[in-house]
Amino acid sequence: MRFIIDNGMRSGIKDTAARASTITLYIDVQEFTRALGLQDTQQIAVVVATPAGEILARVMGRYSETGAAEISRALNAVR
């Protein structure tokens, strides 16, 4: 099934830049969202985490300057 899903994703995302930055994860979605502290999968979430799993930032919803600044601070903290 992974082959079918991967090929479907490849053919469904026409923009090569978007396709290059897309990853298909074969995981338990409920466990993944719980581990990231997400309430649902109905909105965009950006999470910055350390390799050890410590969540440094979590921004939900549409783009905002405030959210972008929070993500930027978190990314700079892990460099």
N, C-alpha and C. Protein backbone atom coordinates (compact mmCIF):
# COMPACT_ATOMS: atom_id res chain seq x y z
N MET A 1 0.81 -1.21 0.00
CA MET A 1 0.00 0.00 0.00
C MET A 1 0.86 1.27 0.00
N ARG A 2 2.01 1.22 0.63
CA ARG A 2 2.86 2.41 0.68
C ARG A 2 3.23 2.88 -0.72
N PHE A 3 3.53 1.93 -1.61
CA PHE A 3 3.88 2.28 -2.98
C PHE A 3 2.74 3.04 -3.64
N ILE A 4 1.53 2.57 -3.47
CA ILE A 4 0.35 3.22 -4.06
C ILE A 4 0.14 4.61 -3.46
N ILE A 5 0.25 4.71 -2.14
CA ILE A 5 0.07 6.00 -1.47
C ILE A 5 1.16 6.97 -1.90
N ASP A 6 2.41 6.52 -1.90
CA ASP A 6 3.52 7.40 -2.29
C ASP A 6 3.36 7.91 -3.71
N ASN A 7 3.01 7.03 -4.62
CA ASN A 7 2.81 7.46 -6.02
C ASN A 7 1.61 8.39 -6.15
N GLY A 8 0.56 8.14 -5.39
CA GLY A 8 -0.60 9.03 -5.40
C GLY A 8 -0.24 10.41 -4.90
N MET A 9 0.57 10.48 -3.84
CA MET A 9 1.02 11.76 -3.30
C MET A 9 1.89 12.48 -4.33
N ARG A 10 2.82 11.75 -4.95
CA ARG A 10 3.70 12.35 -5.95
C ARG A 10 2.91 12.94 -7.11
N SER A 11 1.94 12.19 -7.60
CA SER A 11 1.17 12.67 -8.75
C SER A 11 0.16 13.73 -8.36
N GLY A 12 -0.26 13.75 -7.10
CA GLY A 12 -1.26 14.72 -6.65
C GLY A 12 -0.71 16.08 -6.32
N ILE A 13 0.60 16.16 -6.07
CA ILE A 13 1.25 17.44 -5.74
C ILE A 13 2.06 17.86 -6.95
N LYS A 14 1.49 18.75 -7.75
CA LYS A 14 2.12 19.15 -9.01
C LYS A 14 3.33 20.06 -8.82
N ASP A 15 3.29 20.94 -7.83
CA ASP A 15 4.36 21.89 -7.59
C ASP A 15 5.59 21.15 -7.06
N THR A 16 6.71 21.21 -7.79
CA THR A 16 7.89 20.44 -7.40
C THR A 16 8.48 20.91 -6.07
N ALA A 17 8.41 22.19 -5.77
CA ALA A 17 8.93 22.69 -4.49
C ALA A 17 8.07 22.17 -3.34
N ALA A 18 6.76 22.19 -3.52
CA ALA A 18 5.87 21.67 -2.48
C ALA A 18 6.08 20.17 -2.31
N ARG A 19 6.25 19.48 -3.41
CA ARG A 19 6.46 18.03 -3.35
C ARG A 19 7.78 17.71 -2.65
N ALA A 20 8.80 18.51 -2.89
CA ALA A 20 10.10 18.28 -2.26
C ALA A 20 10.08 18.49 -0.76
N SER A 21 9.12 19.27 -0.28
CA SER A 21 9.04 19.53 1.16
C SER A 21 7.88 18.80 1.82
N THR A 22 7.36 17.79 1.16
CA THR A 22 6.26 17.00 1.70
C THR A 22 6.77 15.63 2.11
N ILE A 23 6.32 15.17 3.26
CA ILE A 23 6.72 13.85 3.74
C ILE A 23 5.46 13.06 4.07
N THR A 24 5.47 11.80 3.70
CA THR A 24 4.37 10.91 4.06
C THR A 24 4.83 10.09 5.26
N LEU A 25 4.06 10.15 6.33
CA LEU A 25 4.40 9.40 7.54
C LEU A 25 3.42 8.26 7.72
N TYR A 26 3.94 7.09 7.99
CA TYR A 26 3.11 5.91 8.25
C TYR A 26 3.14 5.68 9.76
N ILE A 27 2.23 6.38 10.44
CA ILE A 27 2.25 6.39 11.90
C ILE A 27 0.83 6.28 12.44
N ASP A 28 0.74 6.13 13.74
CA ASP A 28 -0.53 6.19 14.44
C ASP A 28 -0.84 7.67 14.65
N VAL A 29 -1.81 8.20 13.91
CA VAL A 29 -2.10 9.64 13.94
C VAL A 29 -2.52 10.10 15.34
N GLN A 30 -3.32 9.32 16.02
CA GLN A 30 -3.76 9.71 17.36
C GLN A 30 -2.59 9.82 18.32
N GLU A 31 -1.67 8.88 18.27
CA GLU A 31 -0.49 8.91 19.14
C GLU A 31 0.40 10.10 18.77
N PHE A 32 0.56 10.35 17.48
CA PHE A 32 1.38 11.47 17.01
C PHE A 32 0.81 12.80 17.48
N THR A 33 -0.48 13.02 17.30
CA THR A 33 -1.09 14.28 17.72
C THR A 33 -1.05 14.43 19.24
N ARG A 34 -1.24 13.33 19.97
CA ARG A 34 -1.16 13.38 21.43
C ARG A 34 0.25 13.77 21.88
N ALA A 35 1.27 13.15 21.27
CA ALA A 35 2.66 13.43 21.65
C ALA A 35 3.04 14.88 21.37
N LEU A 36 2.45 15.48 20.34
CA LEU A 36 2.75 16.88 20.00
C LEU A 36 1.84 17.87 20.72
N GLY A 37 0.88 17.35 21.47
CA GLY A 37 -0.03 18.24 22.19
C GLY A 37 -1.04 18.92 21.29
N LEU A 38 -1.40 18.26 20.19
CA LEU A 38 -2.37 18.82 19.25
C LEU A 38 -3.76 18.28 19.57
N GLN A 39 -4.76 19.14 19.52
CA GLN A 39 -6.11 18.71 19.82
C GLN A 39 -6.77 18.00 18.66
N ASP A 40 -6.39 18.35 17.43
CA ASP A 40 -6.98 17.71 16.26
C ASP A 40 -6.05 17.88 15.07
N THR A 41 -6.49 17.41 13.93
CA THR A 41 -5.70 17.54 12.70
C THR A 41 -6.40 18.43 11.68
N GLN A 42 -7.31 19.25 12.16
CA GLN A 42 -8.11 20.08 11.27
C GLN A 42 -7.51 21.43 10.96
N GLN A 43 -6.41 21.78 11.63
CA GLN A 43 -5.77 23.05 11.33
C GLN A 43 -4.27 22.85 11.23
N ILE A 44 -3.62 23.79 10.62
CA ILE A 44 -2.17 23.74 10.44
C ILE A 44 -1.50 23.86 11.80
N ALA A 45 -0.46 23.06 12.00
CA ALA A 45 0.33 23.14 13.23
C ALA A 45 1.80 23.13 12.85
N VAL A 46 2.56 24.03 13.45
CA VAL A 46 4.01 24.04 13.30
C VAL A 46 4.59 23.78 14.67
N VAL A 47 5.39 22.73 14.77
CA VAL A 47 5.98 22.34 16.05
C VAL A 47 7.48 22.28 15.88
N VAL A 48 8.21 22.90 16.80
CA VAL A 48 9.66 22.80 16.84
C VAL A 48 10.01 21.95 18.05
N ALA A 49 10.70 20.85 17.80
CA ALA A 49 11.07 19.94 18.89
C ALA A 49 12.55 19.59 18.80
N THR A 50 13.13 19.30 19.94
CA THR A 50 14.53 18.86 19.97
C THR A 50 14.57 17.38 19.58
N PRO A 51 15.76 16.88 19.25
CA PRO A 51 15.88 15.45 18.95
C PRO A 51 15.41 14.56 20.11
N ALA A 52 15.49 15.08 21.32
CA ALA A 52 15.04 14.32 22.49
C ALA A 52 13.53 14.37 22.69
N GLY A 53 12.85 15.17 21.88
CA GLY A 53 11.39 15.24 21.97
C GLY A 53 10.84 16.40 22.78
N GLU A 54 11.70 17.28 23.27
CA GLU A 54 11.23 18.46 24.00
C GLU A 54 10.62 19.44 23.01
N ILE A 55 9.40 19.85 23.25
CA ILE A 55 8.72 20.79 22.37
C ILE A 55 9.10 22.21 22.77
N LEU A 56 9.74 22.92 21.84
CA LEU A 56 10.19 24.28 22.10
C LEU A 56 9.17 25.32 21.66
N ALA A 57 8.36 25.00 20.67
CA ALA A 57 7.33 25.92 20.20
C ALA A 57 6.23 25.13 19.51
N ARG A 58 5.01 25.63 19.65
CA ARG A 58 3.85 25.04 18.98
C ARG A 58 2.94 26.19 18.56
N VAL A 59 2.75 26.35 17.27
CA VAL A 59 1.91 27.43 16.75
C VAL A 59 0.80 26.79 15.91
N MET A 60 -0.42 27.17 16.17
CA MET A 60 -1.57 26.60 15.49
C MET A 60 -2.24 27.66 14.62
N GLY A 61 -2.84 27.20 13.52
CA GLY A 61 -3.65 28.09 12.69
C GLY A 61 -2.89 28.75 11.57
N ARG A 62 -3.52 29.74 11.01
CA ARG A 62 -2.98 30.45 9.86
C ARG A 62 -1.74 31.25 10.24
N TYR A 63 -0.97 31.62 9.22
CA TYR A 63 0.25 32.40 9.42
C TYR A 63 -0.04 33.71 10.14
N SER A 64 0.84 34.04 11.06
CA SER A 64 0.81 35.35 11.71
C SER A 64 2.25 35.76 12.01
N GLU A 65 2.49 37.04 12.10
CA GLU A 65 3.82 37.53 12.45
C GLU A 65 4.23 37.03 13.83
N THR A 66 3.30 37.00 14.76
CA THR A 66 3.59 36.53 16.11
C THR A 66 4.00 35.07 16.10
N GLY A 67 3.26 34.25 15.38
CA GLY A 67 3.59 32.83 15.27
C GLY A 67 4.93 32.61 14.60
N ALA A 68 5.19 33.36 13.54
CA ALA A 68 6.47 33.24 12.83
C ALA A 68 7.63 33.61 13.74
N ALA A 69 7.46 34.64 14.55
CA ALA A 69 8.51 35.06 15.47
C ALA A 69 8.75 33.99 16.53
N GLU A 70 7.70 33.35 17.00
CA GLU A 70 7.83 32.28 18.00
C GLU A 70 8.60 31.10 17.42
N ILE A 71 8.26 30.71 16.20
CA ILE A 71 8.95 29.60 15.55
C ILE A 71 10.42 29.97 15.30
N SER A 72 10.67 31.18 14.85
CA SER A 72 12.03 31.63 14.59
C SER A 72 12.87 31.59 15.86
N ARG A 73 12.32 32.06 16.98
CA ARG A 73 13.04 32.03 18.26
C ARG A 73 13.38 30.60 18.64
N ALA A 74 12.42 29.69 18.47
CA ALA A 74 12.64 28.29 18.84
C ALA A 74 13.70 27.65 17.95
N LEU A 75 13.66 27.94 16.66
CA LEU A 75 14.67 27.38 15.75
C LEU A 75 16.06 27.90 16.08
N ASN A 76 16.16 29.16 16.44
CA ASN A 76 17.46 29.73 16.81
C ASN A 76 17.97 29.11 18.11
N ALA A 77 17.07 28.68 18.98
CA ALA A 77 17.46 28.08 20.26
C ALA A 77 18.10 26.71 20.06
N VAL A 78 17.74 26.01 18.99
CA VAL A 78 18.28 24.66 18.78
C VAL A 78 19.53 24.66 17.89
N ARG A 79 19.93 25.79 17.41
CA ARG A 79 21.14 25.87 16.56
C ARG A 79 22.39 25.86 17.37
